[in-house]
Amino acid sequence: HAPVTAVLPNWAQQGPGTGRPRVLLVDPPRDTLAVMDVAKCADVILCLVGPHASLEEPAFDPTGYRLLTALKSQGLPSIIGAVHGSEDEMPSAKKAEQAKKFV
């Protein structure tokens, strides 16, 4: 769970003289206090879900829902959602279109 620093490309710089913008990626342990500690100093939280998450199948396990509830009660910074997995695991176009109705 060591933090990783990523240097962004030139096109992602905010303006001249700002230096090289960097992003620090932190994968905290699945512990409520550790997640809360990382989230309190985060500008953005990246939320990853599996390729089969839907209204019928839960996106998170019980621990994930407990962590999400704790984060929501403290107030969240900006959130970016992403789906991970191989293309073979991705839902069909019809399922993807149905999922867009709930966003």
PDB file of N, CA and C in Angstrom:
ATOM      1  N   HIS A   1       0.820  -1.204   0.000  1.00  0.00           N
ATOM      2  CA  HIS A   1       0.000   0.000   0.000  1.00  0.00           C
ATOM      3  C   HIS A   1       0.860   1.263   0.000  1.00  0.00           C
ATOM      4  N   ALA A   2       1.981   1.218  -0.666  1.00  0.00           N
ATOM      5  CA  ALA A   2       2.856   2.390  -0.727  1.00  0.00           C
ATOM      6  C   ALA A   2       2.321   3.387  -1.750  1.00  0.00           C
ATOM      7  N   PRO A   3       2.369   4.685  -1.431  1.00  0.00           N
ATOM      8  CA  PRO A   3       1.919   5.701  -2.388  1.00  0.00           C
ATOM      9  C   PRO A   3       2.793   5.708  -3.642  1.00  0.00           C
ATOM     10  N   VAL A   4       2.194   6.062  -4.762  1.00  0.00           N
ATOM     11  CA  VAL A   4       2.893   6.145  -6.039  1.00  0.00           C
ATOM     12  C   VAL A   4       2.694   7.554  -6.585  1.00  0.00           C
ATOM     13  N   THR A   5       3.778   8.198  -6.995  1.00  0.00           N
ATOM     14  CA  THR A   5       3.692   9.531  -7.581  1.00  0.00           C
ATOM     15  C   THR A   5       3.758   9.416  -9.092  1.00  0.00           C
ATOM     16  N   ALA A   6       2.809  10.028  -9.765  1.00  0.00           N
ATOM     17  CA  ALA A   6       2.776  10.040 -11.229  1.00  0.00           C
ATOM     18  C   ALA A   6       2.947  11.476 -11.705  1.00  0.00           C
ATOM     19  N   VAL A   7       3.871  11.688 -12.635  1.00  0.00           N
ATOM     20  CA  VAL A   7       4.066  13.014 -13.220  1.00  0.00           C
ATOM     21  C   VAL A   7       3.167  13.114 -14.445  1.00  0.00           C
ATOM     22  N   LEU A   8       2.378  14.165 -14.497  1.00  0.00           N
ATOM     23  CA  LEU A   8       1.433  14.344 -15.594  1.00  0.00           C
ATOM     24  C   LEU A   8       2.137  14.876 -16.838  1.00  0.00           C
ATOM     25  N   PRO A   9       1.598  14.606 -18.019  1.00  0.00           N
ATOM     26  CA  PRO A   9       2.212  15.099 -19.261  1.00  0.00           C
ATOM     27  C   PRO A   9       2.109  16.619 -19.377  1.00  0.00           C
ATOM     28  N   ASN A  10       2.867  17.175 -20.317  1.00  0.00           N
ATOM     29  CA  ASN A  10       2.911  18.633 -20.494  1.00  0.00           C
ATOM     30  C   ASN A  10       1.540  19.238 -20.757  1.00  0.00           C
ATOM     31  N   TRP A  11       0.680  18.557 -21.519  1.00  0.00           N
ATOM     32  CA  TRP A  11      -0.628  19.129 -21.838  1.00  0.00           C
ATOM     33  C   TRP A  11      -1.520  19.258 -20.613  1.00  0.00           C
ATOM     34  N   ALA A  12      -1.191  18.579 -19.514  1.00  0.00           N
ATOM     35  CA  ALA A  12      -2.008  18.641 -18.308  1.00  0.00           C
ATOM     36  C   ALA A  12      -1.548  19.732 -17.347  1.00  0.00           C
ATOM     37  N   GLN A  13      -0.504  20.474 -17.699  1.00  0.00           N
ATOM     38  CA  GLN A  13      -0.035  21.545 -16.830  1.00  0.00           C
ATOM     39  C   GLN A  13      -1.048  22.677 -16.817  1.00  0.00           C
ATOM     40  N   GLN A  14      -1.154  23.336 -15.671  1.00  0.00           N
ATOM     41  CA  GLN A  14      -2.157  24.392 -15.518  1.00  0.00           C
ATOM     42  C   GLN A  14      -1.742  25.697 -16.173  1.00  0.00           C
ATOM     43  N   GLY A  15      -0.476  25.973 -16.285  1.00  0.00           N
ATOM     44  CA  GLY A  15      -0.025  27.216 -16.894  1.00  0.00           C
ATOM     45  C   GLY A  15       1.476  27.332 -16.811  1.00  0.00           C
ATOM     46  N   PRO A  16       2.033  28.347 -17.430  1.00  0.00           N
ATOM     47  CA  PRO A  16       3.485  28.505 -17.388  1.00  0.00           C
ATOM     48  C   PRO A  16       3.961  28.834 -15.979  1.00  0.00           C
ATOM     49  N   GLY A  17       5.084  28.260 -15.620  1.00  0.00           N
ATOM     50  CA  GLY A  17       5.678  28.536 -14.317  1.00  0.00           C
ATOM     51  C   GLY A  17       5.098  27.747 -13.165  1.00  0.00           C
ATOM     52  N   THR A  18       4.213  26.801 -13.430  1.00  0.00           N
ATOM     53  CA  THR A  18       3.612  26.033 -12.337  1.00  0.00           C
ATOM     54  C   THR A  18       4.409  24.783 -12.007  1.00  0.00           C
ATOM     55  N   GLY A  19       5.458  24.492 -12.769  1.00  0.00           N
ATOM     56  CA  GLY A  19       6.226  23.282 -12.511  1.00  0.00           C
ATOM     57  C   GLY A  19       5.517  22.070 -13.084  1.00  0.00           C
ATOM     58  N   ARG A  20       6.072  20.919 -12.827  1.00  0.00           N
ATOM     59  CA  ARG A  20       5.466  19.678 -13.323  1.00  0.00           C
ATOM     60  C   ARG A  20       4.365  19.242 -12.363  1.00  0.00           C
ATOM     61  N   PRO A  21       3.119  19.235 -12.815  1.00  0.00           N
ATOM     62  CA  PRO A  21       2.047  18.766 -11.933  1.00  0.00           C
ATOM     63  C   PRO A  21       2.189  17.274 -11.670  1.00  0.00           C
ATOM     64  N   ARG A  22       1.917  16.886 -10.450  1.00  0.00           N
ATOM     65  CA  ARG A  22       2.035  15.488 -10.063  1.00  0.00           C
ATOM     66  C   ARG A  22       0.756  15.032  -9.383  1.00  0.00           C
ATOM     67  N   VAL A  23       0.554  13.751  -9.443  1.00  0.00           N
ATOM     68  CA  VAL A  23      -0.580  13.126  -8.776  1.00  0.00           C
ATOM     69  C   VAL A  23      -0.020  12.059  -7.851  1.00  0.00           C
ATOM     70  N   LEU A  24      -0.473  12.051  -6.617  1.00  0.00           N
ATOM     71  CA  LEU A  24      -0.063  11.024  -5.665  1.00  0.00           C
ATOM     72  C   LEU A  24      -1.212  10.035  -5.532  1.00  0.00           C
ATOM     73  N   LEU A  25      -0.978   8.801  -5.915  1.00  0.00           N
ATOM     74  CA  LEU A  25      -1.993   7.751  -5.828  1.00  0.00           C
ATOM     75  C   LEU A  25      -1.745   6.937  -4.568  1.00  0.00           C
ATOM     76  N   VAL A  26      -2.763   6.831  -3.725  1.00  0.00           N
ATOM     77  CA  VAL A  26      -2.651   6.108  -2.461  1.00  0.00           C
ATOM     78  C   VAL A  26      -3.728   5.037  -2.425  1.00  0.00           C
ATOM     79  N   ASP A  27      -3.323   3.812  -2.163  1.00  0.00           N
ATOM     80  CA  ASP A  27      -4.252   2.691  -2.006  1.00  0.00           C
ATOM     81  C   ASP A  27      -4.229   2.304  -0.531  1.00  0.00           C
ATOM     82  N   PRO A  28      -5.132   2.884   0.280  1.00  0.00           N
ATOM     83  CA  PRO A  28      -5.082   2.613   1.719  1.00  0.00           C
ATOM     84  C   PRO A  28      -5.552   1.200   2.037  1.00  0.00           C
ATOM     85  N   PRO A  29      -5.153   0.692   3.202  1.00  0.00           N
ATOM     86  CA  PRO A  29      -5.673  -0.613   3.633  1.00  0.00           C
ATOM     87  C   PRO A  29      -7.190  -0.531   3.817  1.00  0.00           C
ATOM     88  N   ARG A  30      -7.848  -1.657   3.749  1.00  0.00           N
ATOM     89  CA  ARG A  30      -9.311  -1.679   3.903  1.00  0.00           C
ATOM     90  C   ARG A  30      -9.680  -1.591   5.382  1.00  0.00           C
ATOM     91  N   ASP A  31      -9.344  -0.471   5.955  1.00  0.00           N
ATOM     92  CA  ASP A  31      -9.602  -0.182   7.357  1.00  0.00           C
ATOM     93  C   ASP A  31     -10.260   1.201   7.410  1.00  0.00           C
ATOM     94  N   THR A  32     -11.299   1.341   8.188  1.00  0.00           N
ATOM     95  CA  THR A  32     -12.063   2.586   8.212  1.00  0.00           C
ATOM     96  C   THR A  32     -11.190   3.787   8.548  1.00  0.00           C
ATOM     97  N   LEU A  33     -10.366   3.680   9.589  1.00  0.00           N
ATOM     98  CA  LEU A  33      -9.543   4.819   9.984  1.00  0.00           C
ATOM     99  C   LEU A  33      -8.501   5.163   8.929  1.00  0.00           C
ATOM    100  N   ALA A  34      -7.918   4.157   8.296  1.00  0.00           N
ATOM    101  CA  ALA A  34      -6.918   4.415   7.254  1.00  0.00           C
ATOM    102  C   ALA A  34      -7.549   5.110   6.054  1.00  0.00           C
ATOM    103  N   VAL A  35      -8.718   4.657   5.648  1.00  0.00           N
ATOM    104  CA  VAL A  35      -9.411   5.273   4.511  1.00  0.00           C
ATOM    105  C   VAL A  35      -9.818   6.704   4.846  1.00  0.00           C
ATOM    106  N   MET A  36     -10.328   6.925   6.047  1.00  0.00           N
ATOM    107  CA  MET A  36     -10.723   8.272   6.457  1.00  0.00           C
ATOM    108  C   MET A  36      -9.512   9.203   6.509  1.00  0.00           C
ATOM    109  N   ASP A  37      -8.378   8.684   6.969  1.00  0.00           N
ATOM    110  CA  ASP A  37      -7.164   9.484   7.064  1.00  0.00           C
ATOM    111  C   ASP A  37      -6.682   9.920   5.683  1.00  0.00           C
ATOM    112  N   VAL A  38      -6.727   9.012   4.717  1.00  0.00           N
ATOM    113  CA  VAL A  38      -6.313   9.349   3.352  1.00  0.00           C
ATOM    114  C   VAL A  38      -7.315  10.310   2.714  1.00  0.00           C
ATOM    115  N   ALA A  39      -8.597  10.084   2.932  1.00  0.00           N
ATOM    116  CA  ALA A  39      -9.628  10.910   2.289  1.00  0.00           C
ATOM    117  C   ALA A  39      -9.639  12.344   2.808  1.00  0.00           C
ATOM    118  N   LYS A  40      -9.226  12.551   4.051  1.00  0.00           N
ATOM    119  CA  LYS A  40      -9.303  13.906   4.604  1.00  0.00           C
ATOM    120  C   LYS A  40      -8.339  14.875   3.927  1.00  0.00           C
ATOM    121  N   CYS A  41      -7.287  14.358   3.307  1.00  0.00           N
ATOM    122  CA  CYS A  41      -6.351  15.257   2.623  1.00  0.00           C
ATOM    123  C   CYS A  41      -6.392  15.082   1.107  1.00  0.00           C
ATOM    124  N   ALA A  42      -7.400  14.385   0.604  1.00  0.00           N
ATOM    125  CA  ALA A  42      -7.508  14.148  -0.843  1.00  0.00           C
ATOM    126  C   ALA A  42      -8.277  15.274  -1.522  1.00  0.00           C
ATOM    127  N   ASP A  43      -7.822  15.636  -2.708  1.00  0.00           N
ATOM    128  CA  ASP A  43      -8.566  16.582  -3.540  1.00  0.00           C
ATOM    129  C   ASP A  43      -9.606  15.850  -4.374  1.00  0.00           C
ATOM    130  N   VAL A  44      -9.294  14.604  -4.736  1.00  0.00           N
ATOM    131  CA  VAL A  44     -10.167  13.779  -5.568  1.00  0.00           C
ATOM    132  C   VAL A  44     -10.087  12.348  -5.064  1.00  0.00           C
ATOM    133  N   ILE A  45     -11.220  11.659  -5.049  1.00  0.00           N
ATOM    134  CA  ILE A  45     -11.251  10.235  -4.708  1.00  0.00           C
ATOM    135  C   ILE A  45     -11.645   9.469  -5.961  1.00  0.00           C
ATOM    136  N   LEU A  46     -10.865   8.455  -6.290  1.00  0.00           N
ATOM    137  CA  LEU A  46     -11.152   7.591  -7.436  1.00  0.00           C
ATOM    138  C   LEU A  46     -11.842   6.342  -6.909  1.00  0.00           C
ATOM    139  N   CYS A  47     -13.051   6.114  -7.356  1.00  0.00           N
ATOM    140  CA  CYS A  47     -13.841   4.964  -6.919  1.00  0.00           C
ATOM    141  C   CYS A  47     -13.872   3.940  -8.051  1.00  0.00           C
ATOM    142  N   LEU A  48     -13.304   2.773  -7.818  1.00  0.00           N
ATOM    143  CA  LEU A  48     -13.272   1.713  -8.822  1.00  0.00           C
ATOM    144  C   LEU A  48     -14.339   0.679  -8.520  1.00  0.00           C
ATOM    145  N   VAL A  49     -15.069   0.278  -9.542  1.00  0.00           N
ATOM    146  CA  VAL A  49     -16.054  -0.791  -9.406  1.00  0.00           C
ATOM    147  C   VAL A  49     -15.766  -1.853 -10.452  1.00  0.00           C
ATOM    148  N   GLY A  50     -16.238  -3.049 -10.189  1.00  0.00           N
ATOM    149  CA  GLY A  50     -16.041  -4.150 -11.117  1.00  0.00           C
ATOM    150  C   GLY A  50     -16.920  -4.017 -12.344  1.00  0.00           C
ATOM    151  N   PRO A  51     -16.619  -4.768 -13.378  1.00  0.00           N
ATOM    152  CA  PRO A  51     -17.362  -4.645 -14.634  1.00  0.00           C
ATOM    153  C   PRO A  51     -18.791  -5.163 -14.565  1.00  0.00           C
ATOM    154  N   HIS A  52     -19.138  -5.919 -13.534  1.00  0.00           N
ATOM    155  CA  HIS A  52     -20.473  -6.507 -13.461  1.00  0.00           C
ATOM    156  C   HIS A  52     -21.389  -5.769 -12.490  1.00  0.00           C
ATOM    157  N   ALA A  53     -20.977  -4.619 -11.980  1.00  0.00           N
ATOM    158  CA  ALA A  53     -21.813  -3.869 -11.049  1.00  0.00           C
ATOM    159  C   ALA A  53     -23.064  -3.372 -11.767  1.00  0.00           C
ATOM    160  N   SER A  54     -24.213  -3.583 -11.142  1.00  0.00           N
ATOM    161  CA  SER A  54     -25.482  -3.139 -11.715  1.00  0.00           C
ATOM    162  C   SER A  54     -26.464  -2.930 -10.575  1.00  0.00           C
ATOM    163  N   LEU A  55     -27.711  -2.660 -10.922  1.00  0.00           N
ATOM    164  CA  LEU A  55     -28.720  -2.523  -9.874  1.00  0.00           C
ATOM    165  C   LEU A  55     -29.023  -3.860  -9.221  1.00  0.00           C
ATOM    166  N   GLU A  56     -28.831  -4.952  -9.974  1.00  0.00           N
ATOM    167  CA  GLU A  56     -29.093  -6.285  -9.432  1.00  0.00           C
ATOM    168  C   GLU A  56     -27.899  -6.814  -8.635  1.00  0.00           C
ATOM    169  N   GLU A  57     -26.689  -6.534  -9.105  1.00  0.00           N
ATOM    170  CA  GLU A  57     -25.480  -7.002  -8.434  1.00  0.00           C
ATOM    171  C   GLU A  57     -24.833  -5.830  -7.707  1.00  0.00           C
ATOM    172  N   PRO A  58     -24.519  -5.990  -6.419  1.00  0.00           N
ATOM    173  CA  PRO A  58     -23.927  -4.871  -5.683  1.00  0.00           C
ATOM    174  C   PRO A  58     -22.549  -4.498  -6.232  1.00  0.00           C
ATOM    175  N   ALA A  59     -22.255  -3.201  -6.188  1.00  0.00           N
ATOM    176  CA  ALA A  59     -20.971  -2.708  -6.683  1.00  0.00           C
ATOM    177  C   ALA A  59     -19.859  -2.936  -5.669  1.00  0.00           C
ATOM    178  N   PHE A  60     -20.202  -2.987  -4.387  1.00  0.00           N
ATOM    179  CA  PHE A  60     -19.210  -3.132  -3.323  1.00  0.00           C
ATOM    180  C   PHE A  60     -19.582  -4.299  -2.426  1.00  0.00           C
ATOM    181  N   ASP A  61     -18.601  -4.782  -1.678  1.00  0.00           N
ATOM    182  CA  ASP A  61     -18.873  -5.783  -0.654  1.00  0.00           C
ATOM    183  C   ASP A  61     -19.307  -5.045   0.619  1.00  0.00           C
ATOM    184  N   PRO A  62     -19.699  -5.766   1.688  1.00  0.00           N
ATOM    185  CA  PRO A  62     -20.159  -5.087   2.909  1.00  0.00           C
ATOM    186  C   PRO A  62     -19.131  -4.108   3.492  1.00  0.00           C
ATOM    187  N   THR A  63     -17.848  -4.461   3.448  1.00  0.00           N
ATOM    188  CA  THR A  63     -16.813  -3.549   3.948  1.00  0.00           C
ATOM    189  C   THR A  63     -16.771  -2.284   3.101  1.00  0.00           C
ATOM    190  N   GLY A  64     -16.888  -2.429   1.798  1.00  0.00           N
ATOM    191  CA  GLY A  64     -16.895  -1.269   0.910  1.00  0.00           C
ATOM    192  C   GLY A  64     -18.057  -0.342   1.198  1.00  0.00           C
ATOM    193  N   TYR A  65     -19.225  -0.898   1.463  1.00  0.00           N
ATOM    194  CA  TYR A  65     -20.380  -0.058   1.786  1.00  0.00           C
ATOM    195  C   TYR A  65     -20.194   0.641   3.131  1.00  0.00           C
ATOM    196  N   ARG A  66     -19.574  -0.042   4.116  1.00  0.00           N
ATOM    197  CA  ARG A  66     -19.294   0.610   5.404  1.00  0.00           C
ATOM    198  C   ARG A  66     -18.332   1.777   5.216  1.00  0.00           C
ATOM    199  N   LEU A  67     -17.289   1.569   4.389  1.00  0.00           N
ATOM    200  CA  LEU A  67     -16.325   2.641   4.128  1.00  0.00           C
ATOM    201  C   LEU A  67     -16.996   3.804   3.401  1.00  0.00           C
ATOM    202  N   LEU A  68     -17.837   3.500   2.439  1.00  0.00           N
ATOM    203  CA  LEU A  68     -18.538   4.547   1.695  1.00  0.00           C
ATOM    204  C   LEU A  68     -19.459   5.349   2.609  1.00  0.00           C
ATOM    205  N   THR A  69     -20.147   4.670   3.515  1.00  0.00           N
ATOM    206  CA  THR A  69     -21.021   5.354   4.470  1.00  0.00           C
ATOM    207  C   THR A  69     -20.220   6.275   5.377  1.00  0.00           C
ATOM    208  N   ALA A  70     -19.069   5.800   5.863  1.00  0.00           N
ATOM    209  CA  ALA A  70     -18.220   6.627   6.724  1.00  0.00           C
ATOM    210  C   ALA A  70     -17.703   7.845   5.964  1.00  0.00           C
ATOM    211  N   LEU A  71     -17.302   7.655   4.723  1.00  0.00           N
ATOM    212  CA  LEU A  71     -16.805   8.775   3.917  1.00  0.00           C
ATOM    213  C   LEU A  71     -17.910   9.789   3.646  1.00  0.00           C
ATOM    214  N   LYS A  72     -19.106   9.304   3.333  1.00  0.00           N
ATOM    215  CA  LYS A  72     -20.220  10.210   3.051  1.00  0.00           C
ATOM    216  C   LYS A  72     -20.601  11.012   4.289  1.00  0.00           C
ATOM    217  N   SER A  73     -20.505  10.404   5.464  1.00  0.00           N
ATOM    218  CA  SER A  73     -20.874  11.115   6.683  1.00  0.00           C
ATOM    219  C   SER A  73     -19.869  12.219   7.023  1.00  0.00           C
ATOM    220  N   GLN A  74     -18.635  12.090   6.555  1.00  0.00           N
ATOM    221  CA  GLN A  74     -17.614  13.108   6.807  1.00  0.00           C
ATOM    222  C   GLN A  74     -17.554  14.166   5.713  1.00  0.00           C
ATOM    223  N   GLY A  75     -18.210  13.916   4.607  1.00  0.00           N
ATOM    224  CA  GLY A  75     -18.148  14.833   3.469  1.00  0.00           C
ATOM    225  C   GLY A  75     -17.051  14.383   2.524  1.00  0.00           C
ATOM    226  N   LEU A  76     -17.393  14.296   1.257  1.00  0.00           N
ATOM    227  CA  LEU A  76     -16.446  13.794   0.264  1.00  0.00           C
ATOM    228  C   LEU A  76     -15.922  14.917  -0.617  1.00  0.00           C
ATOM    229  N   PRO A  77     -14.661  14.802  -1.050  1.00  0.00           N
ATOM    230  CA  PRO A  77     -14.179  15.724  -2.087  1.00  0.00           C
ATOM    231  C   PRO A  77     -14.750  15.293  -3.436  1.00  0.00           C
ATOM    232  N   SER A  78     -14.238  15.817  -4.502  1.00  0.00           N
ATOM    233  CA  SER A  78     -14.685  15.411  -5.838  1.00  0.00           C
ATOM    234  C   SER A  78     -14.439  13.921  -6.032  1.00  0.00           C
ATOM    235  N   ILE A  79     -15.365  13.271  -6.734  1.00  0.00           N
ATOM    236  CA  ILE A  79     -15.270  11.823  -6.925  1.00  0.00           C
ATOM    237  C   ILE A  79     -15.237  11.515  -8.411  1.00  0.00           C
ATOM    238  N   ILE A  80     -14.357  10.598  -8.789  1.00  0.00           N
ATOM    239  CA  ILE A  80     -14.300  10.087 -10.155  1.00  0.00           C
ATOM    240  C   ILE A  80     -14.580   8.597 -10.075  1.00  0.00           C
ATOM    241  N   GLY A  81     -15.527   8.125 -10.841  1.00  0.00           N
ATOM    242  CA  GLY A  81     -15.839   6.700 -10.885  1.00  0.00           C
ATOM    243  C   GLY A  81     -15.201   6.054 -12.097  1.00  0.00           C
ATOM    244  N   ALA A  82     -14.736   4.835 -11.929  1.00  0.00           N
ATOM    245  CA  ALA A  82     -14.116   4.101 -13.034  1.00  0.00           C
ATOM    246  C   ALA A  82     -14.463   2.626 -12.907  1.00  0.00           C
ATOM    247  N   VAL A  83     -14.596   1.979 -14.045  1.00  0.00           N
ATOM    248  CA  VAL A  83     -14.870   0.546 -14.092  1.00  0.00           C
ATOM    249  C   VAL A  83     -13.589  -0.152 -14.509  1.00  0.00           C
ATOM    250  N   HIS A  84     -13.189  -1.172 -13.748  1.00  0.00           N
ATOM    251  CA  HIS A  84     -11.976  -1.907 -14.102  1.00  0.00           C
ATOM    252  C   HIS A  84     -12.328  -3.310 -14.551  1.00  0.00           C
ATOM    253  N   GLY A  85     -11.451  -3.904 -15.309  1.00  0.00           N
ATOM    254  CA  GLY A  85     -11.647  -5.265 -15.798  1.00  0.00           C
ATOM    255  C   GLY A  85     -11.309  -5.338 -17.274  1.00  0.00           C
ATOM    256  N   SER A  86     -11.220  -6.542 -17.774  1.00  0.00           N
ATOM    257  CA  SER A  86     -10.895  -6.718 -19.187  1.00  0.00           C
ATOM    258  C   SER A  86     -12.134  -6.472 -20.043  1.00  0.00           C
ATOM    259  N   GLU A  87     -11.919  -6.290 -21.337  1.00  0.00           N
ATOM    260  CA  GLU A  87     -13.046  -6.047 -22.241  1.00  0.00           C
ATOM    261  C   GLU A  87     -13.973  -7.253 -22.314  1.00  0.00           C
ATOM    262  N   ASP A  88     -13.444  -8.444 -22.070  1.00  0.00           N
ATOM    263  CA  ASP A  88     -14.275  -9.644 -22.091  1.00  0.00           C
ATOM    264  C   ASP A  88     -15.306  -9.624 -20.971  1.00  0.00           C
ATOM    265  N   GLU A  89     -14.977  -8.940 -19.872  1.00  0.00           N
ATOM    266  CA  GLU A  89     -15.871  -8.903 -18.721  1.00  0.00           C
ATOM    267  C   GLU A  89     -16.857  -7.741 -18.777  1.00  0.00           C
ATOM    268  N   MET A  90     -16.667  -6.826 -19.697  1.00  0.00           N
ATOM    269  CA  MET A  90     -17.521  -5.649 -19.771  1.00  0.00           C
ATOM    270  C   MET A  90     -18.937  -6.044 -20.192  1.00  0.00           C
ATOM    271  N   PRO A  91     -19.941  -5.288 -19.701  1.00  0.00           N
ATOM    272  CA  PRO A  91     -21.322  -5.615 -20.068  1.00  0.00           C
ATOM    273  C   PRO A  91     -21.584  -5.328 -21.545  1.00  0.00           C
ATOM    274  N   SER A  92     -22.636  -5.914 -22.045  1.00  0.00           N
ATOM    275  CA  SER A  92     -23.011  -5.704 -23.442  1.00  0.00           C
ATOM    276  C   SER A  92     -23.466  -4.259 -23.651  1.00  0.00           C
ATOM    277  N   ALA A  93     -23.575  -3.857 -24.895  1.00  0.00           N
ATOM    278  CA  ALA A  93     -24.003  -2.492 -25.217  1.00  0.00           C
ATOM    279  C   ALA A  93     -25.409  -2.226 -24.686  1.00  0.00           C
ATOM    280  N   LYS A  94     -26.269  -3.242 -24.732  1.00  0.00           N
ATOM    281  CA  LYS A  94     -27.640  -3.074 -24.243  1.00  0.00           C
ATOM    282  C   LYS A  94     -27.638  -2.814 -22.738  1.00  0.00           C
ATOM    283  N   LYS A  95     -26.840  -3.584 -21.984  1.00  0.00           N
ATOM    284  CA  LYS A  95     -26.766  -3.373 -20.540  1.00  0.00           C
ATOM    285  C   LYS A  95     -26.158  -2.010 -20.222  1.00  0.00           C
ATOM    286  N   ALA A  96     -25.159  -1.606 -20.986  1.00  0.00           N
ATOM    287  CA  ALA A  96     -24.534  -0.304 -20.759  1.00  0.00           C
ATOM    288  C   ALA A  96     -25.535   0.814 -21.010  1.00  0.00           C
ATOM    289  N   GLU A  97     -26.349   0.669 -22.031  1.00  0.00           N
ATOM    290  CA  GLU A  97     -27.363   1.682 -22.340  1.00  0.00           C
ATOM    291  C   GLU A  97     -28.415   1.744 -21.232  1.00  0.00           C
ATOM    292  N   GLN A  98     -28.805   0.587 -20.693  1.00  0.00           N
ATOM    293  CA  GLN A  98     -29.769   0.564 -19.594  1.00  0.00           C
ATOM    294  C   GLN A  98     -29.183   1.210 -18.348  1.00  0.00           C
ATOM    295  N   ALA A  99     -27.901   1.003 -18.109  1.00  0.00           N
ATOM    296  CA  ALA A  99     -27.262   1.569 -16.921  1.00  0.00           C
ATOM    297  C   ALA A  99     -27.213   3.087 -16.984  1.00  0.00           C
ATOM    298  N   LYS A 100     -27.098   3.652 -18.184  1.00  0.00           N
ATOM    299  CA  LYS A 100     -27.043   5.105 -18.331  1.00  0.00           C
ATOM    300  C   LYS A 100     -28.337   5.766 -17.884  1.00  0.00           C
ATOM    301  N   LYS A 101     -29.441   5.030 -17.886  1.00  0.00           N
ATOM    302  CA  LYS A 101     -30.726   5.596 -17.478  1.00  0.00           C
ATOM    303  C   LYS A 101     -30.734   5.970 -16.002  1.00  0.00           C
ATOM    304  N   PHE A 102     -29.874   5.318 -15.202  1.00  0.00           N
ATOM    305  CA  PHE A 102     -29.888   5.532 -13.763  1.00  0.00           C
ATOM    306  C   PHE A 102     -28.833   6.518 -13.304  1.00  0.00           C
ATOM    307  N   VAL A 103     -28.080   7.086 -14.236  1.00  0.00           N
ATOM    308  CA  VAL A 103     -27.024   8.033 -13.856  1.00  0.00           C
ATOM    309  C   VAL A 103     -27.567   9.433 -13.894  1.00  0.00           C
TER     310      VAL A 103
END
